């Protein structure tokens, strides 16, 4: 078992190895996620509408 001071020291050393994204990279990744969410929303809304329409026609509603 290591001491708390040694643990904190190791954590700091590991954090120095992390490559943090730049502001532009963060914006780009966020934009990509938003675009994918909108695409998924459109796809699932269309699929839901088709299924709803088909079931209504099959049941004669």
PDB file of N, CA and C in Angstrom:
ATOM      1  N   UNK A   1       0.856  -1.175   0.000  1.00  0.00           N
ATOM      2  CA  UNK A   1       0.000   0.000   0.000  1.00  0.00           C
ATOM      3  C   UNK A   1       0.899   1.234   0.000  1.00  0.00           C
ATOM      4  N   UNK A   2       0.530   2.203  -0.849  1.00  0.00           N
ATOM      5  CA  UNK A   2       1.344   3.413  -0.923  1.00  0.00           C
ATOM      6  C   UNK A   2       0.722   4.506  -0.072  1.00  0.00           C
ATOM      7  N   UNK A   3       1.538   5.465   0.275  1.00  0.00           N
ATOM      8  CA  UNK A   3       1.059   6.565   1.108  1.00  0.00           C
ATOM      9  C   UNK A   3       0.224   7.529   0.263  1.00  0.00           C
ATOM     10  N   UNK A   4      -0.641   8.299   0.928  1.00  0.00           N
ATOM     11  CA  UNK A   4      -1.440   9.285   0.180  1.00  0.00           C
ATOM     12  C   UNK A   4      -0.577  10.292  -0.586  1.00  0.00           C
ATOM     13  N   UNK A   5       0.543  10.698  -0.004  1.00  0.00           N
ATOM     14  CA  UNK A   5       1.432  11.659  -0.675  1.00  0.00           C
ATOM     15  C   UNK A   5       2.011  11.054  -1.952  1.00  0.00           C
ATOM     16  N   UNK A   6       2.403   9.794  -1.903  1.00  0.00           N
ATOM     17  CA  UNK A   6       2.942   9.116  -3.082  1.00  0.00           C
ATOM     18  C   UNK A   6       1.852   8.956  -4.148  1.00  0.00           C
ATOM     19  N   UNK A   7       0.642   8.648  -3.708  1.00  0.00           N
ATOM     20  CA  UNK A   7      -0.484   8.527  -4.635  1.00  0.00           C
ATOM     21  C   UNK A   7      -0.725   9.836  -5.376  1.00  0.00           C
ATOM     22  N   UNK A   8      -0.764  10.946  -4.645  1.00  0.00           N
ATOM     23  CA  UNK A   8      -0.977  12.259  -5.252  1.00  0.00           C
ATOM     24  C   UNK A   8       0.154  12.572  -6.229  1.00  0.00           C
ATOM     25  N   UNK A   9       1.358  12.232  -5.856  1.00  0.00           N
ATOM     26  CA  UNK A   9       2.520  12.455  -6.721  1.00  0.00           C
ATOM     27  C   UNK A   9       2.376  11.671  -8.024  1.00  0.00           C
ATOM     28  N   UNK A  10       1.950  10.428  -7.932  1.00  0.00           N
ATOM     29  CA  UNK A  10       1.760   9.606  -9.127  1.00  0.00           C
ATOM     30  C   UNK A  10       0.637  10.155 -10.009  1.00  0.00           C
ATOM     31  N   UNK A  11      -0.421  10.608  -9.380  1.00  0.00           N
ATOM     32  CA  UNK A  11      -1.539  11.179 -10.143  1.00  0.00           C
ATOM     33  C   UNK A  11      -1.074  12.408 -10.905  1.00  0.00           C
ATOM     34  N   UNK A  12      -0.315  13.273 -10.258  1.00  0.00           N
ATOM     35  CA  UNK A  12       0.187  14.479 -10.930  1.00  0.00           C
ATOM     36  C   UNK A  12       1.081  14.122 -12.110  1.00  0.00           C
ATOM     37  N   UNK A  13       1.933  13.120 -11.938  1.00  0.00           N
ATOM     38  CA  UNK A  13       2.810  12.699 -13.035  1.00  0.00           C
ATOM     39  C   UNK A  13       1.998  12.168 -14.211  1.00  0.00           C
ATOM     40  N   UNK A  14       0.960  11.400 -13.923  1.00  0.00           N
ATOM     41  CA  UNK A  14       0.120  10.859 -14.992  1.00  0.00           C
ATOM     42  C   UNK A  14      -0.655  11.968 -15.703  1.00  0.00           C
ATOM     43  N   UNK A  15      -1.143  12.951 -14.944  1.00  0.00           N
ATOM     44  CA  UNK A  15      -1.886  14.048 -15.554  1.00  0.00           C
ATOM     45  C   UNK A  15      -1.005  14.886 -16.477  1.00  0.00           C
ATOM     46  N   UNK A  16       0.281  14.938 -16.200  1.00  0.00           N
ATOM     47  CA  UNK A  16       1.193  15.684 -17.068  1.00  0.00           C
ATOM     48  C   UNK A  16       1.363  14.994 -18.417  1.00  0.00           C
ATOM     49  N   UNK A  17       1.088  13.690 -18.483  1.00  0.00           N
ATOM     50  CA  UNK A  17       1.201  12.927 -19.723  1.00  0.00           C
ATOM     51  C   UNK A  17      -0.028  13.091 -20.616  1.00  0.00           C
ATOM     52  N   UNK A  18      -1.110  13.603 -20.060  1.00  0.00           N
ATOM     53  CA  UNK A  18      -2.357  13.736 -20.812  1.00  0.00           C
ATOM     54  C   UNK A  18      -2.228  14.846 -21.840  1.00  0.00           C
ATOM     55  N   UNK A  19      -2.701  14.563 -23.053  1.00  0.00           N
ATOM     56  CA  UNK A  19      -2.750  15.576 -24.103  1.00  0.00           C
ATOM     57  C   UNK A  19      -4.161  16.119 -24.145  1.00  0.00           C
ATOM     58  N   UNK A  20      -4.332  17.342 -23.693  1.00  0.00           N
ATOM     59  CA  UNK A  20      -5.656  17.940 -23.633  1.00  0.00           C
ATOM     60  C   UNK A  20      -6.004  18.519 -24.996  1.00  0.00           C
ATOM     61  N   UNK A  21      -7.273  18.431 -25.414  1.00  0.00           N
ATOM     62  CA  UNK A  21      -7.654  18.978 -26.718  1.00  0.00           C
ATOM     63  C   UNK A  21      -7.633  20.501 -26.716  1.00  0.00           C
ATOM     64  N   UNK A  22      -7.364  21.047 -27.893  1.00  0.00           N
ATOM     65  CA  UNK A  22      -7.378  22.499 -28.030  1.00  0.00           C
ATOM     66  C   UNK A  22      -8.827  22.981 -28.114  1.00  0.00           C
ATOM     67  N   UNK A  23      -8.995  24.288 -28.073  1.00  0.00           N
ATOM     68  CA  UNK A  23     -10.330  24.872 -28.158  1.00  0.00           C
ATOM     69  C   UNK A  23     -10.989  24.508 -29.487  1.00  0.00           C
ATOM     70  N   UNK A  24     -10.216  24.562 -30.575  1.00  0.00           N
ATOM     71  CA  UNK A  24     -10.755  24.221 -31.896  1.00  0.00           C
ATOM     72  C   UNK A  24     -11.141  22.748 -31.982  1.00  0.00           C
ATOM     73  N   UNK A  25     -10.324  21.872 -31.423  1.00  0.00           N
ATOM     74  CA  UNK A  25     -10.643  20.447 -31.431  1.00  0.00           C
ATOM     75  C   UNK A  25     -11.912  20.172 -30.630  1.00  0.00           C
ATOM     76  N   UNK A  26     -12.045  20.833 -29.484  1.00  0.00           N
ATOM     77  CA  UNK A  26     -13.238  20.656 -28.659  1.00  0.00           C
ATOM     78  C   UNK A  26     -14.477  21.132 -29.403  1.00  0.00           C
ATOM     79  N   UNK A  27     -14.381  22.282 -30.062  1.00  0.00           N
ATOM     80  CA  UNK A  27     -15.510  22.799 -30.828  1.00  0.00           C
ATOM     81  C   UNK A  27     -15.864  21.849 -31.967  1.00  0.00           C
ATOM     82  N   UNK A  28     -14.868  21.351 -32.666  1.00  0.00           N
ATOM     83  CA  UNK A  28     -15.107  20.436 -33.785  1.00  0.00           C
ATOM     84  C   UNK A  28     -15.772  19.149 -33.339  1.00  0.00           C
ATOM     85  N   UNK A  29     -15.294  18.582 -32.249  1.00  0.00           N
ATOM     86  CA  UNK A  29     -15.884  17.340 -31.751  1.00  0.00           C
ATOM     87  C   UNK A  29     -17.314  17.572 -31.262  1.00  0.00           C
ATOM     88  N   UNK A  30     -17.546  18.706 -30.618  1.00  0.00           N
ATOM     89  CA  UNK A  30     -18.897  19.032 -30.149  1.00  0.00           C
ATOM     90  C   UNK A  30     -19.838  19.206 -31.331  1.00  0.00           C
ATOM     91  N   UNK A  31     -19.384  19.883 -32.359  1.00  0.00           N
ATOM     92  CA  UNK A  31     -20.204  20.077 -33.562  1.00  0.00           C
ATOM     93  C   UNK A  31     -20.522  18.728 -34.209  1.00  0.00           C
ATOM     94  N   UNK A  32     -19.550  17.834 -34.263  1.00  0.00           N
ATOM     95  CA  UNK A  32     -19.775  16.514 -34.857  1.00  0.00           C
ATOM     96  C   UNK A  32     -20.822  15.737 -34.067  1.00  0.00           C
ATOM     97  N   UNK A  33     -20.766  15.817 -32.760  1.00  0.00           N
ATOM     98  CA  UNK A  33     -21.741  15.123 -31.916  1.00  0.00           C
ATOM     99  C   UNK A  33     -23.134  15.700 -32.137  1.00  0.00           C
ATOM    100  N   UNK A  34     -23.240  17.021 -32.200  1.00  0.00           N
ATOM    101  CA  UNK A  34     -24.544  17.656 -32.414  1.00  0.00           C
ATOM    102  C   UNK A  34     -25.113  17.243 -33.768  1.00  0.00           C
ATOM    103  N   UNK A  35     -24.283  17.226 -34.814  1.00  0.00           N
ATOM    104  CA  UNK A  35     -24.744  16.824 -36.142  1.00  0.00           C
ATOM    105  C   UNK A  35     -25.223  15.376 -36.121  1.00  0.00           C
ATOM    106  N   UNK A  36     -24.489  14.487 -35.462  1.00  0.00           N
ATOM    107  CA  UNK A  36     -24.898  13.085 -35.390  1.00  0.00           C
ATOM    108  C   UNK A  36     -26.203  12.927 -34.621  1.00  0.00           C
ATOM    109  N   UNK A  37     -26.391  13.702 -33.577  1.00  0.00           N
ATOM    110  CA  UNK A  37     -27.642  13.646 -32.811  1.00  0.00           C
ATOM    111  C   UNK A  37     -28.807  14.100 -33.669  1.00  0.00           C
ATOM    112  N   UNK A  38     -28.621  15.172 -34.424  1.00  0.00           N
ATOM    113  CA  UNK A  38     -29.687  15.666 -35.302  1.00  0.00           C
ATOM    114  C   UNK A  38     -29.998  14.632 -36.380  1.00  0.00           C
ATOM    115  N   UNK A  39     -28.981  14.008 -36.954  1.00  0.00           N
ATOM    116  CA  UNK A  39     -29.205  12.968 -37.965  1.00  0.00           C
ATOM    117  C   UNK A  39     -29.976  11.791 -37.372  1.00  0.00           C
ATOM    118  N   UNK A  40     -29.599  11.359 -36.178  1.00  0.00           N
ATOM    119  CA  UNK A  40     -30.303  10.259 -35.521  1.00  0.00           C
ATOM    120  C   UNK A  40     -31.742  10.651 -35.221  1.00  0.00           C
ATOM    121  N   UNK A  41     -31.951  11.887 -34.788  1.00  0.00           N
ATOM    122  CA  UNK A  41     -33.304  12.362 -34.488  1.00  0.00           C
ATOM    123  C   UNK A  41     -34.169  12.325 -35.741  1.00  0.00           C
ATOM    124  N   UNK A  42     -33.634  12.786 -36.863  1.00  0.00           N
ATOM    125  CA  UNK A  42     -34.393  12.781 -38.116  1.00  0.00           C
ATOM    126  C   UNK A  42     -34.695  11.345 -38.545  1.00  0.00           C
ATOM    127  N   UNK A  43     -33.695  10.477 -38.483  1.00  0.00           N
ATOM    128  CA  UNK A  43     -33.875   9.077 -38.882  1.00  0.00           C
ATOM    129  C   UNK A  43     -34.946   8.393 -38.034  1.00  0.00           C
ATOM    130  N   UNK A  44     -34.846   8.506 -36.715  1.00  0.00           N
ATOM    131  CA  UNK A  44     -35.800   7.818 -35.849  1.00  0.00           C
ATOM    132  C   UNK A  44     -37.190   8.439 -35.932  1.00  0.00           C
ATOM    133  N   UNK A  45     -37.278   9.727 -36.164  1.00  0.00           N
ATOM    134  CA  UNK A  45     -38.590  10.358 -36.353  1.00  0.00           C
ATOM    135  C   UNK A  45     -39.245   9.850 -37.632  1.00  0.00           C
ATOM    136  N   UNK A  46     -38.464   9.748 -38.697  1.00  0.00           N
ATOM    137  CA  UNK A  46     -38.995   9.233 -39.961  1.00  0.00           C
ATOM    138  C   UNK A  46     -39.408   7.765 -39.816  1.00  0.00           C
ATOM    139  N   UNK A  47     -38.582   6.967 -39.184  1.00  0.00           N
ATOM    140  CA  UNK A  47     -38.914   5.554 -38.978  1.00  0.00           C
ATOM    141  C   UNK A  47     -40.181   5.425 -38.141  1.00  0.00           C
ATOM    142  N   UNK A  48     -40.315   6.230 -37.119  1.00  0.00           N
ATOM    143  CA  UNK A  48     -41.504   6.206 -36.278  1.00  0.00           C
ATOM    144  C   UNK A  48     -42.740   6.580 -37.083  1.00  0.00           C
ATOM    145  N   UNK A  49     -42.627   7.585 -37.935  1.00  0.00           N
ATOM    146  CA  UNK A  49     -43.757   8.015 -38.756  1.00  0.00           C
ATOM    147  C   UNK A  49     -44.169   6.915 -39.733  1.00  0.00           C
ATOM    148  N   UNK A  50     -43.206   6.241 -40.347  1.00  0.00           N
ATOM    149  CA  UNK A  50     -43.507   5.155 -41.281  1.00  0.00           C
ATOM    150  C   UNK A  50     -44.190   4.000 -40.548  1.00  0.00           C
ATOM    151  N   UNK A  51     -43.670   3.636 -39.400  1.00  0.00           N
ATOM    152  CA  UNK A  51     -44.273   2.546 -38.626  1.00  0.00           C
ATOM    153  C   UNK A  51     -45.681   2.918 -38.177  1.00  0.00           C
ATOM    154  N   UNK A  52     -45.865   4.146 -37.719  1.00  0.00           N
ATOM    155  CA  UNK A  52     -47.177   4.619 -37.279  1.00  0.00           C
ATOM    156  C   UNK A  52     -48.172   4.565 -38.436  1.00  0.00           C
ATOM    157  N   UNK A  53     -47.754   5.069 -39.602  1.00  0.00           N
ATOM    158  CA  UNK A  53     -48.612   5.081 -40.782  1.00  0.00           C
ATOM    159  C   UNK A  53     -48.972   3.653 -41.195  1.00  0.00           C
ATOM    160  N   UNK A  54     -47.987   2.766 -41.234  1.00  0.00           N
ATOM    161  CA  UNK A  54     -48.210   1.378 -41.652  1.00  0.00           C
ATOM    162  C   UNK A  54     -49.170   0.661 -40.711  1.00  0.00           C
ATOM    163  N   UNK A  55     -48.977   0.808 -39.427  1.00  0.00           N
ATOM    164  CA  UNK A  55     -49.861   0.143 -38.458  1.00  0.00           C
ATOM    165  C   UNK A  55     -51.277   0.693 -38.563  1.00  0.00           C
ATOM    166  N   UNK A  56     -51.417   2.010 -38.726  1.00  0.00           N
ATOM    167  CA  UNK A  56     -52.752   2.582 -38.881  1.00  0.00           C
ATOM    168  C   UNK A  56     -53.455   2.056 -40.130  1.00  0.00           C
ATOM    169  N   UNK A  57     -52.713   1.887 -41.234  1.00  0.00           N
ATOM    170  CA  UNK A  57     -53.314   1.373 -42.458  1.00  0.00           C
ATOM    171  C   UNK A  57     -53.688  -0.114 -42.300  1.00  0.00           C
ATOM    172  N   UNK A  58     -52.817  -0.887 -41.638  1.00  0.00           N
ATOM    173  CA  UNK A  58     -53.108  -2.307 -41.432  1.00  0.00           C
ATOM    174  C   UNK A  58     -54.311  -2.524 -40.526  1.00  0.00           C
ATOM    175  N   UNK A  59     -54.464  -1.690 -39.526  1.00  0.00           N
ATOM    176  CA  UNK A  59     -55.578  -1.826 -38.588  1.00  0.00           C
ATOM    177  C   UNK A  59     -56.815  -1.086 -39.054  1.00  0.00           C
ATOM    178  N   UNK A  60     -56.714  -0.329 -40.123  1.00  0.00           N
ATOM    179  CA  UNK A  60     -57.857   0.396 -40.662  1.00  0.00           C
ATOM    180  C   UNK A  60     -58.297   1.563 -39.814  1.00  0.00           C
ATOM    181  N   UNK A  61     -57.351   2.195 -39.164  1.00  0.00           N
ATOM    182  CA  UNK A  61     -57.709   3.346 -38.314  1.00  0.00           C
ATOM    183  C   UNK A  61     -57.632   4.643 -39.082  1.00  0.00           C
TER     184      UNK A  61
END
